[in-house]
Protein backbone atom coordinates (compact mmCIF):
# COMPACT_ATOMS: atom_id res chain seq x y z
CA UNK A 1 -14.33 0.33 -17.94
CA UNK A 2 -13.50 -3.81 -17.07
CA UNK A 3 -10.39 -5.18 -16.76
CA UNK A 4 -8.99 -8.56 -15.57
CA UNK A 5 -5.80 -6.79 -13.89
CA UNK A 6 -5.39 -3.24 -12.99
CA UNK A 7 -1.55 -2.27 -12.15
CA UNK A 8 -1.15 0.45 -10.12
CA UNK A 9 2.30 1.88 -11.15
CA UNK A 10 4.60 2.10 -14.41
CA UNK A 11 7.72 1.05 -13.38
CA UNK A 12 10.09 -1.65 -14.20
CA UNK A 13 8.43 -3.87 -11.91
CA UNK A 14 4.64 -3.16 -13.45
CA UNK A 15 5.90 -2.78 -16.68
CA UNK A 16 7.76 -6.57 -16.30
CA UNK A 17 4.47 -7.90 -14.88
CA UNK A 18 2.10 -6.19 -17.66
CA UNK A 19 4.48 -7.84 -20.77
CA UNK A 20 3.84 -11.13 -19.04
CA UNK A 21 0.05 -10.63 -19.04
CA UNK A 22 -0.19 -9.02 -22.23
CA UNK A 23 1.65 -12.25 -23.61
CA UNK A 24 -0.85 -14.81 -22.53
CA UNK A 25 -3.89 -11.87 -23.21
CA UNK A 26 -4.91 -11.07 -20.06
CA UNK A 27 -6.63 -7.74 -20.54
CA UNK A 28 -5.09 -5.04 -18.41
CA UNK A 29 -4.58 -1.83 -17.39
CA UNK A 30 -1.29 0.02 -16.37
CA UNK A 31 -1.93 3.22 -14.48
CA UNK A 32 1.60 5.65 -13.93
CA UNK A 33 1.23 9.05 -12.41
CA UNK A 34 4.73 10.26 -13.39
CA UNK A 35 4.79 12.23 -16.78
CA UNK A 36 8.66 12.34 -16.57
CA UNK A 37 9.71 9.76 -14.59
CA UNK A 38 10.76 10.66 -10.62
CA UNK A 39 13.92 12.17 -9.11
CA UNK A 40 14.35 9.40 -6.73
CA UNK A 41 17.44 7.22 -8.38
CA UNK A 42 16.23 3.74 -9.65
CA UNK A 43 17.91 0.49 -9.92
CA UNK A 44 20.56 -0.20 -13.00
CA UNK A 45 22.09 -3.49 -12.16
CA UNK A 46 20.19 -6.65 -13.64
CA UNK A 47 21.00 -9.63 -12.05
CA UNK A 48 21.19 -12.86 -13.62
CA UNK A 49 17.50 -14.10 -12.81
CA UNK A 50 16.30 -10.94 -14.25
CA UNK A 51 18.21 -11.09 -17.44
CA UNK A 52 16.26 -14.75 -17.79
CA UNK A 53 13.22 -13.27 -16.96
CA UNK A 54 13.58 -10.06 -19.35
CA UNK A 55 14.79 -12.76 -22.05
CA UNK A 56 11.16 -14.37 -21.33
CA UNK A 57 9.45 -11.45 -22.37
CA UNK A 58 11.79 -11.06 -25.22
CA UNK A 59 13.76 -7.61 -24.21
CA UNK A 60 16.77 -8.78 -23.59
CA UNK A 61 18.21 -9.14 -27.10
CA UNK A 62 17.98 -5.38 -27.47
CA UNK A 63 18.78 -4.60 -24.19
CA UNK A 64 21.98 -5.84 -24.76
CA UNK A 65 22.70 -3.20 -26.92
CA UNK A 66 21.76 -0.65 -24.48
CA UNK A 67 23.68 -2.01 -21.60
CA UNK A 68 27.38 -3.04 -20.07
CA UNK A 69 28.13 -6.70 -19.33
CA UNK A 70 29.88 -7.49 -15.69
CA UNK A 71 31.21 -10.19 -15.19
CA UNK A 72 33.24 -9.28 -12.13
CA UNK A 73 32.91 -7.42 -8.97
CA UNK A 74 36.16 -6.14 -7.41
CA UNK A 75 36.25 -5.03 -3.99
CA UNK A 76 39.44 -3.07 -2.87
CA UNK A 77 40.60 -2.35 0.89
CA UNK A 78 42.72 0.37 0.79
CA UNK A 79 44.67 3.05 2.62
CA UNK A 80 44.09 7.03 1.10
CA UNK A 81 47.57 8.53 0.84
CA UNK A 82 47.29 12.23 0.13
CA UNK A 83 48.49 13.56 -3.06
CA UNK A 84 49.59 9.97 -4.21
CA UNK A 85 47.12 6.90 -5.45
CA UNK A 86 46.16 4.74 -2.56
CA UNK A 87 47.75 1.68 -0.94
CA UNK A 88 45.74 -1.57 -1.70
CA UNK A 89 45.68 -3.56 1.41
CA UNK A 90 43.35 -6.10 -0.26
CA UNK A 91 42.14 -7.25 -3.59
CA UNK A 92 38.95 -9.42 -3.84
CA UNK A 93 36.83 -10.80 -6.81
CA UNK A 94 33.91 -12.58 -7.29
CA UNK A 95 33.13 -14.19 -10.67
CA UNK A 96 29.89 -14.51 -12.36
CA UNK A 97 31.11 -17.33 -14.70
CA UNK A 98 30.94 -19.59 -11.74
CA UNK A 99 27.59 -19.80 -12.10
CA UNK A 100 26.69 -22.76 -14.47
CA UNK A 101 23.86 -21.26 -16.86
CA UNK A 102 24.03 -18.79 -19.97
CA UNK A 103 23.19 -16.07 -17.52
CA UNK A 104 26.43 -15.88 -15.82
CA UNK A 105 26.92 -12.46 -15.67
CA UNK A 106 25.27 -8.93 -15.00
CA UNK A 107 24.14 -6.24 -16.82
CA UNK A 108 24.26 -2.57 -16.30
CA UNK A 109 21.65 -0.23 -18.19
CA UNK A 110 20.03 2.89 -17.72
CA UNK A 111 16.92 2.16 -15.50
CA UNK A 112 14.64 4.54 -18.44
CA UNK A 113 15.87 2.47 -20.93
CA UNK A 114 14.74 -0.80 -19.34
CA UNK A 115 11.43 0.48 -18.24
CA UNK A 116 11.07 1.70 -22.23
CA UNK A 117 12.02 -1.67 -23.65
CA UNK A 118 9.12 -3.46 -21.56
CA UNK A 119 6.73 -0.58 -22.32
CA UNK A 120 7.25 -0.99 -25.92
CA UNK A 121 7.11 -4.90 -25.70
CA UNK A 122 3.75 -4.38 -23.93
CA UNK A 123 2.04 -2.22 -26.28
CA UNK A 124 2.69 -4.54 -29.32
CA UNK A 125 -0.10 -6.65 -27.40
CA UNK A 126 -3.93 -5.69 -27.52
CA UNK A 127 -4.52 -6.83 -24.38
CA UNK A 128 -2.41 -4.21 -22.78
CA UNK A 129 -3.77 -0.56 -21.88
CA UNK A 130 -1.95 2.37 -20.84
CA UNK A 131 -2.82 5.60 -18.86
CA UNK A 132 -0.09 8.35 -18.14
CA UNK A 133 -0.55 10.36 -16.60
CA UNK A 134 -2.98 9.14 -14.32
CA UNK A 135 -3.43 8.20 -10.70
CA UNK A 136 -5.42 5.83 -8.09
CA UNK A 137 -7.12 7.46 -5.72
CA UNK A 138 -9.16 5.12 -3.94
CA UNK A 139 -11.24 2.13 -4.04
CA UNK A 140 -14.87 1.43 -3.50
CA UNK A 141 -16.89 -0.93 -2.09
CA UNK A 142 -17.46 -3.97 -4.66
CA UNK A 143 -19.00 -7.50 -4.39
CA UNK A 144 -16.52 -10.39 -3.84
CA UNK A 145 -16.06 -11.25 -7.34
CA UNK A 146 -14.64 -7.93 -8.60
CA UNK A 147 -12.76 -4.69 -6.97
CA UNK A 148 -13.25 -1.20 -8.23
CA UNK A 149 -10.81 1.76 -8.26
CA UNK A 150 -11.16 5.64 -8.81
CA UNK A 151 -8.62 6.46 -11.17
CA UNK A 152 -7.80 10.34 -11.76
CA UNK A 153 -6.97 10.82 -15.77
CA UNK A 154 -7.60 13.90 -17.25
CA UNK A 155 -9.13 16.06 -14.43
CA UNK A 156 -11.96 13.48 -14.24
CA UNK A 157 -12.46 10.47 -11.53
CA UNK A 158 -12.91 7.06 -13.72
CA UNK A 159 -14.46 3.57 -12.21
CA UNK A 160 -12.08 1.12 -12.97
CA UNK A 161 -13.41 -2.41 -12.46
CA UNK A 162 -11.09 -5.50 -12.12
CA UNK A 163 -10.57 -8.72 -10.78
CA UNK A 164 -7.07 -8.23 -9.69
CA UNK A 165 -5.69 -5.13 -8.70
CA UNK A 166 -1.59 -5.06 -8.07
CA UNK A 167 0.08 -2.07 -6.47
CA UNK A 168 3.70 -1.65 -8.03
CA UNK A 169 3.53 2.22 -7.33
CA UNK A 170 6.85 2.00 -4.94
CA UNK A 171 7.53 2.56 -1.08
CA UNK A 172 4.56 5.01 -0.23
CA UNK A 173 1.94 2.49 -1.56
CA UNK A 174 -1.65 3.02 -1.53
CA UNK A 175 -2.59 -0.33 -2.66
CA UNK A 176 -1.04 -1.66 0.66
CA UNK A 177 -2.57 0.76 2.71
CA UNK A 178 -5.82 -0.55 1.01
CA UNK A 179 -5.01 -3.81 2.18
CA UNK A 180 -3.93 -3.28 5.58
CA UNK A 181 -0.53 -4.46 5.14
CA UNK A 182 1.58 -3.97 8.40
CA UNK A 183 5.02 -1.88 7.42
CA UNK A 184 8.09 -2.77 9.21
CA UNK A 185 11.13 -0.85 8.61
CA UNK A 186 14.55 0.36 9.67
CA UNK A 187 17.03 2.91 8.76
CA UNK A 188 20.97 2.65 8.70
CA UNK A 189 23.91 4.66 10.15
CA UNK A 190 24.83 6.32 6.58
CA UNK A 191 23.72 7.57 3.57
CA UNK A 192 25.08 7.58 0.03
CA UNK A 193 25.24 10.13 -2.88
CA UNK A 194 24.89 8.62 -6.28
CA UNK A 195 25.95 10.18 -9.51
CA UNK A 196 26.06 9.42 -13.41
CA UNK A 197 29.27 11.14 -14.80
CA UNK A 198 31.87 10.18 -18.09
CA UNK A 199 33.81 7.18 -17.02
CA UNK A 200 37.82 7.20 -17.51
CA UNK A 201 38.63 4.17 -19.75
CA UNK A 202 40.88 2.35 -17.24
CA UNK A 203 37.23 1.75 -15.46
CA UNK A 204 36.15 -1.27 -17.00
CA UNK A 205 34.67 -3.63 -14.39
CA UNK A 206 32.41 -3.21 -11.24
CA UNK A 207 34.40 -1.32 -8.53
CA UNK A 208 34.18 -0.94 -4.83
CA UNK A 209 37.06 0.48 -3.06
CA UNK A 210 36.95 0.98 1.06
CA UNK A 211 38.68 2.45 3.70
CA UNK A 212 38.06 2.23 7.41
CA UNK A 213 35.64 5.11 7.07
CA UNK A 214 34.85 5.66 3.49
CA UNK A 215 33.29 3.94 0.76
CA UNK A 216 32.49 4.28 -2.95
CA UNK A 217 30.85 1.86 -5.52
CA UNK A 218 31.71 2.45 -8.99
CA UNK A 219 29.76 0.64 -11.86
CA UNK A 220 29.99 0.92 -15.51
CA UNK A 221 27.62 2.04 -17.78
CA UNK A 222 27.05 2.07 -21.72
CA UNK A 223 28.36 5.05 -23.28
CA UNK A 224 31.26 5.80 -21.57
CA UNK A 225 29.25 6.44 -18.19
CA UNK A 226 29.82 5.08 -14.78
CA UNK A 227 27.10 5.20 -12.05
CA UNK A 228 28.55 5.46 -8.64
CA UNK A 229 27.91 5.57 -4.94
CA UNK A 230 29.74 7.11 -2.16
CA UNK A 231 28.59 6.72 1.42
CA UNK A 232 28.60 9.32 3.78
CA UNK A 233 27.34 10.29 7.49
CA UNK A 234 24.03 11.22 8.41
CA UNK A 235 23.21 14.68 8.40
CA UNK A 236 26.64 15.86 6.37
CA UNK A 237 24.67 16.28 3.43
CA UNK A 238 23.71 20.12 3.99
CA UNK A 239 27.64 20.76 4.87
CA UNK A 240 28.59 19.32 1.80
CA UNK A 241 26.47 21.12 -0.70
CA UNK A 242 27.35 24.67 1.21
CA UNK A 243 31.21 23.53 0.59
CA UNK A 244 30.62 22.88 -2.92
CA UNK A 245 31.62 20.64 -5.38
CA UNK A 246 35.61 20.68 -5.35
CA UNK A 247 35.83 18.47 -2.07
CA UNK A 248 33.31 15.97 -3.29
CA UNK A 249 35.78 15.92 -6.71
CA UNK A 250 38.54 15.29 -4.26
CA UNK A 251 37.09 12.76 -2.41
CA UNK A 252 36.77 10.71 -5.86
CA UNK A 253 40.54 11.59 -6.67
CA UNK A 254 41.80 10.40 -3.55
CA UNK A 255 40.31 6.73 -4.12
CA UNK A 256 41.16 6.77 -8.02
CA UNK A 257 43.27 9.76 -9.40
CA UNK A 258 42.62 9.26 -12.88
CA UNK A 259 39.16 9.95 -11.90
CA UNK A 260 40.31 13.78 -12.48
CA UNK A 261 38.73 15.10 -15.94
CA UNK A 262 35.92 12.75 -15.42
CA UNK A 263 33.93 13.53 -12.11
CA UNK A 264 34.63 17.01 -12.42
CA UNK A 265 32.08 17.06 -15.47
CA UNK A 266 29.63 17.04 -12.76
CA UNK A 267 28.36 20.70 -12.84
CA UNK A 268 25.82 21.00 -10.16
CA UNK A 269 24.64 19.44 -7.06
CA UNK A 270 21.22 19.03 -8.53
CA UNK A 271 22.72 16.27 -10.55
CA UNK A 272 23.85 14.46 -7.22
CA UNK A 273 21.22 12.52 -5.49
CA UNK A 274 21.04 11.50 -1.90
CA UNK A 275 19.80 8.03 -1.53
CA UNK A 276 18.83 7.49 2.31
CA UNK A 277 18.89 3.46 2.79
CA UNK A 278 15.50 1.81 3.98
CA UNK A 279 15.01 -1.56 4.82
CA UNK A 280 11.05 -2.64 5.13
CA UNK A 281 8.96 -5.61 4.84
CA UNK A 282 5.67 -5.73 4.81
CA UNK A 283 3.22 -8.25 6.89
CA UNK A 284 1.27 -9.86 3.57
CA UNK A 285 1.61 -9.38 -0.07
CA UNK A 286 -1.97 -10.37 -1.25
CA UNK A 287 -5.76 -9.63 0.28
CA UNK A 288 -8.76 -10.59 -1.11
CA UNK A 289 -8.35 -9.42 -4.94
CA UNK A 290 -4.80 -7.26 -4.28
CA UNK A 291 -1.29 -7.97 -4.42
CA UNK A 292 1.90 -5.71 -4.00
CA UNK A 293 5.10 -6.26 -5.52
CA UNK A 294 8.62 -4.44 -5.55
CA UNK A 295 9.13 -1.42 -3.03
CA UNK A 296 5.31 -1.34 -2.21
CA UNK A 297 5.82 -5.11 -0.60
CA UNK A 298 9.65 -4.74 0.54
CA UNK A 299 12.36 -2.64 0.31
CA UNK A 300 16.08 -3.27 0.67
CA UNK A 301 19.65 -1.93 1.56
CA UNK A 302 21.33 -1.51 -2.10
CA UNK A 303 24.57 -2.60 -0.90
CA UNK A 304 23.64 -6.04 -3.07
CA UNK A 305 21.91 -3.98 -5.97
CA UNK A 306 18.87 -6.05 -5.31
CA UNK A 307 15.71 -3.65 -5.13
CA UNK A 308 14.80 -3.65 -9.22
CA UNK A 309 15.38 -7.18 -9.51
CA UNK A 310 13.63 -8.11 -6.35
CA UNK A 311 10.52 -6.37 -8.52
CA UNK A 312 11.39 -8.15 -11.48
CA UNK A 313 11.50 -11.25 -9.94
CA UNK A 314 7.85 -10.62 -8.00
CA UNK A 315 6.25 -9.86 -11.47
CA UNK A 316 7.78 -12.82 -13.30
CA UNK A 317 5.83 -15.38 -10.26
CA UNK A 318 3.01 -13.19 -10.27
CA UNK A 319 2.77 -12.94 -13.78
CA UNK A 320 2.74 -16.23 -14.38
CA UNK A 321 0.36 -17.10 -11.66
CA UNK A 322 -2.65 -14.49 -13.16
CA UNK A 323 -1.77 -15.80 -16.59
CA UNK A 324 -2.43 -19.41 -14.90
CA UNK A 325 -5.65 -18.21 -13.01
CA UNK A 326 -7.10 -16.47 -15.61
CA UNK A 327 -6.48 -19.21 -18.49
CA UNK A 328 -7.94 -21.75 -16.29
CA UNK A 329 -10.87 -19.61 -14.66
CA UNK A 330 -9.65 -20.58 -11.30
CA UNK A 331 -9.37 -16.84 -10.32
CA UNK A 332 -10.20 -17.40 -6.63
CA UNK A 333 -8.49 -15.74 -3.93
CA UNK A 334 -7.11 -18.57 -2.58
CA UNK A 335 -5.16 -18.84 -5.97
CA UNK A 336 -3.81 -15.86 -5.41
CA UNK A 337 -1.91 -16.62 -2.19
CA UNK A 338 0.60 -18.81 -4.21
CA UNK A 339 2.36 -15.65 -4.89
CA UNK A 340 3.28 -14.59 -1.58
CA UNK A 341 4.02 -18.36 -0.69
CA UNK A 342 6.45 -17.91 -2.96
CA UNK A 343 7.96 -14.82 -3.07
CA UNK A 344 7.78 -13.35 0.49
CA UNK A 345 10.32 -16.00 1.80
CA UNK A 346 12.64 -15.21 -0.99
CA UNK A 347 12.37 -11.84 -0.76
CA UNK A 348 13.32 -11.72 2.92
CA UNK A 349 16.19 -14.04 2.75
CA UNK A 350 17.55 -11.56 0.20
CA UNK A 351 16.50 -8.67 2.69
CA UNK A 352 18.25 -10.13 5.26
CA UNK A 353 21.58 -10.77 2.95
CA UNK A 354 21.59 -7.32 1.74
CA UNK A 355 21.20 -6.00 5.57
CA UNK A 356 24.54 -7.88 6.11
CA UNK A 357 26.03 -6.75 3.19
CA UNK A 358 25.43 -3.42 4.74
CA UNK A 359 26.75 -3.98 8.09
CA UNK A 360 30.15 -4.98 6.75
CA UNK A 361 30.30 -1.58 5.92
CA UNK A 362 28.99 0.46 8.60
CA UNK A 363 31.11 0.21 11.41
CA UNK A 364 34.31 2.47 11.04
CA UNK A 365 37.02 0.49 13.58
CA UNK A 366 40.38 -1.03 12.50
CA UNK A 367 39.70 -4.36 13.68
CA UNK A 368 36.61 -4.45 12.01
CA UNK A 369 38.33 -3.57 9.01
CA UNK A 370 40.80 -6.67 9.11
CA UNK A 371 37.98 -9.23 9.75
CA UNK A 372 35.93 -8.00 6.88
CA UNK A 373 39.42 -8.29 4.63
CA UNK A 374 39.82 -11.98 5.92
CA UNK A 375 36.11 -12.67 5.42
CA UNK A 376 36.53 -10.91 1.91
CA UNK A 377 39.65 -13.52 1.06
CA UNK A 378 37.88 -16.60 2.39
CA UNK A 379 34.67 -15.48 0.44
CA UNK A 380 36.61 -15.17 -2.76
CA UNK A 381 38.87 -18.47 -2.57
CA UNK A 382 36.44 -20.85 -0.70
CA UNK A 383 34.75 -22.46 -3.78
CA UNK A 384 31.45 -23.16 -1.31
CA UNK A 385 31.15 -19.67 -0.04
CA UNK A 386 32.15 -18.11 -3.50
CA UNK A 387 29.19 -19.89 -5.60
CA UNK A 388 26.80 -18.92 -2.29
CA UNK A 389 27.06 -15.75 -2.17
CA UNK A 390 26.77 -15.56 -6.15
CA UNK A 391 24.07 -17.41 -6.40
CA UNK A 392 21.92 -15.93 -3.64
CA UNK A 393 22.71 -12.31 -5.03
CA UNK A 394 22.23 -13.60 -8.85
CA UNK A 395 18.35 -14.61 -7.86
CA UNK A 396 18.80 -18.19 -9.17
CA UNK A 397 18.52 -19.88 -6.46
CA UNK A 398 19.22 -19.89 -2.95
CA UNK A 399 21.87 -21.89 -0.46
CA UNK A 400 21.33 -20.77 3.00
CA UNK A 401 24.51 -19.77 4.97
CA UNK A 402 25.11 -22.50 7.67
CA UNK A 403 27.39 -22.17 11.28
CA UNK A 404 30.15 -24.14 9.47
CA UNK A 405 30.07 -21.41 6.50
CA UNK A 406 30.54 -18.79 9.19
CA UNK A 407 33.58 -20.54 10.46
CA UNK A 408 34.47 -20.64 6.83
CA UNK A 409 34.65 -17.21 6.36
CA UNK A 410 37.32 -17.11 8.96
CA UNK A 411 39.66 -19.63 8.09
CA UNK A 412 38.24 -22.54 9.45
CA UNK A 413 38.91 -25.39 9.16
CA UNK A 414 42.38 -24.08 8.07
CA UNK A 415 43.64 -25.27 4.32
CA UNK A 416 40.14 -26.35 3.79
CA UNK A 417 39.32 -23.82 0.64
CA UNK A 418 42.40 -25.68 -1.36
CA UNK A 419 40.87 -29.06 -0.71
CA UNK A 420 37.11 -28.49 -0.91
CA UNK A 421 35.59 -29.74 -4.26
CA UNK A 422 32.15 -28.55 -5.60
CA UNK A 423 30.56 -30.44 -8.12
CA UNK A 424 28.28 -28.48 -10.92
CA UNK A 425 25.48 -31.23 -10.50
CA UNK A 426 25.44 -30.00 -6.72
CA UNK A 427 25.75 -26.24 -7.76
CA UNK A 428 22.49 -26.67 -10.31
CA UNK A 429 20.45 -28.62 -7.42
CA UNK A 430 20.58 -25.46 -5.65
CA UNK A 431 18.83 -23.27 -8.54
CA UNK A 432 15.27 -22.78 -8.39
CA UNK A 433 13.52 -25.12 -10.63
CA UNK A 434 10.17 -24.58 -12.42
CA UNK A 435 8.10 -26.10 -9.94
CA UNK A 436 9.40 -24.31 -7.26
CA UNK A 437 9.18 -20.66 -9.16
CA UNK A 438 5.63 -21.84 -10.09
CA UNK A 439 4.50 -24.58 -7.91
CA UNK A 440 0.67 -24.02 -8.70
CA UNK A 441 1.25 -25.64 -11.92
CA UNK A 442 1.13 -29.11 -10.58
CA UNK A 443 -2.49 -28.73 -9.16
């Protein structure tokens, strides 16, 4: 069977790519092995750039009806007090409306809903083909103008020819191995428990609560649900399971007493997933007629909520490039390299940003908490720091920190946050422009 593009993996990244290829008439096949979806937690936070991309493939309007809008992220540094509400030591806010764009908010949506909307949109086009369940087996030797993949479907092995094969199958990526792309990875000194449960009516905005030794993140979902992440020490998961659910419920009550009657609707440990944060980057994203995207190419610490968004942004750049290549009959491998040139520096920047965010909560020392509170205060109140951070996590642009910015985080020069003016023209100048997202169009 012959296709222009073969996509291994039908998650959000693979289906975003498929939706873009379908719109420009590129004949392609998506191969997805999971019948009901994997058991591993998948991202639900959509940052502004992802909203812009989903708008471009005509799924955002419908998604808005199945998602929850986040305008702010609240961070509380607290001191837990047994039997009463925690004492707030500091409360900071990040406001998405600082971004001068109509996509000046984030959205929380169930992962499967995002996936289903993309799949249904791709199915509207005759260029889209979808095999599920089916799985990649191996590559077969082919000439320089085509790739041949062996796909297992209905118990049979089928040869699929394609000019370009894309690995969008997650961290354990067979396509990455075929490309011999080297993986550089690291783990962290903490794990997370993540679970969805009914949301108390007082919890209406994204909320992070931290003590010197504990951390919980609460992100509202539609249908009066909330997604939570709770930081634990490595190795503690088995002990907690043996102790039952009551200590887990109490941990939430300690942070937010109004959780009583909501978090305790979790009925079994099976509903709670253990998330082990891993950061990895690969040596290259393309080779011959192959490319990788999403977790196959990079995996980031979940603190900044970037994993799924990076996959969507990969798919956007790669999709636009493949449409240009096939539409203009310029399918040489050299042109596929544009994808890596655009996405690799950006992905590694976001990976570093997420890593820094993780370190902020990785050390249980009182002086470290005081430094963290001071940094949060200046991040909130200094216009340059506030906008830079939002821009970088939003995906809409990139503005790197410099030495003076690090000094600003600890309040130097004194009083500058009240004097500093950040003009909208300068803010917009740091947004990605079309020629930066798709530089091959200038050829």
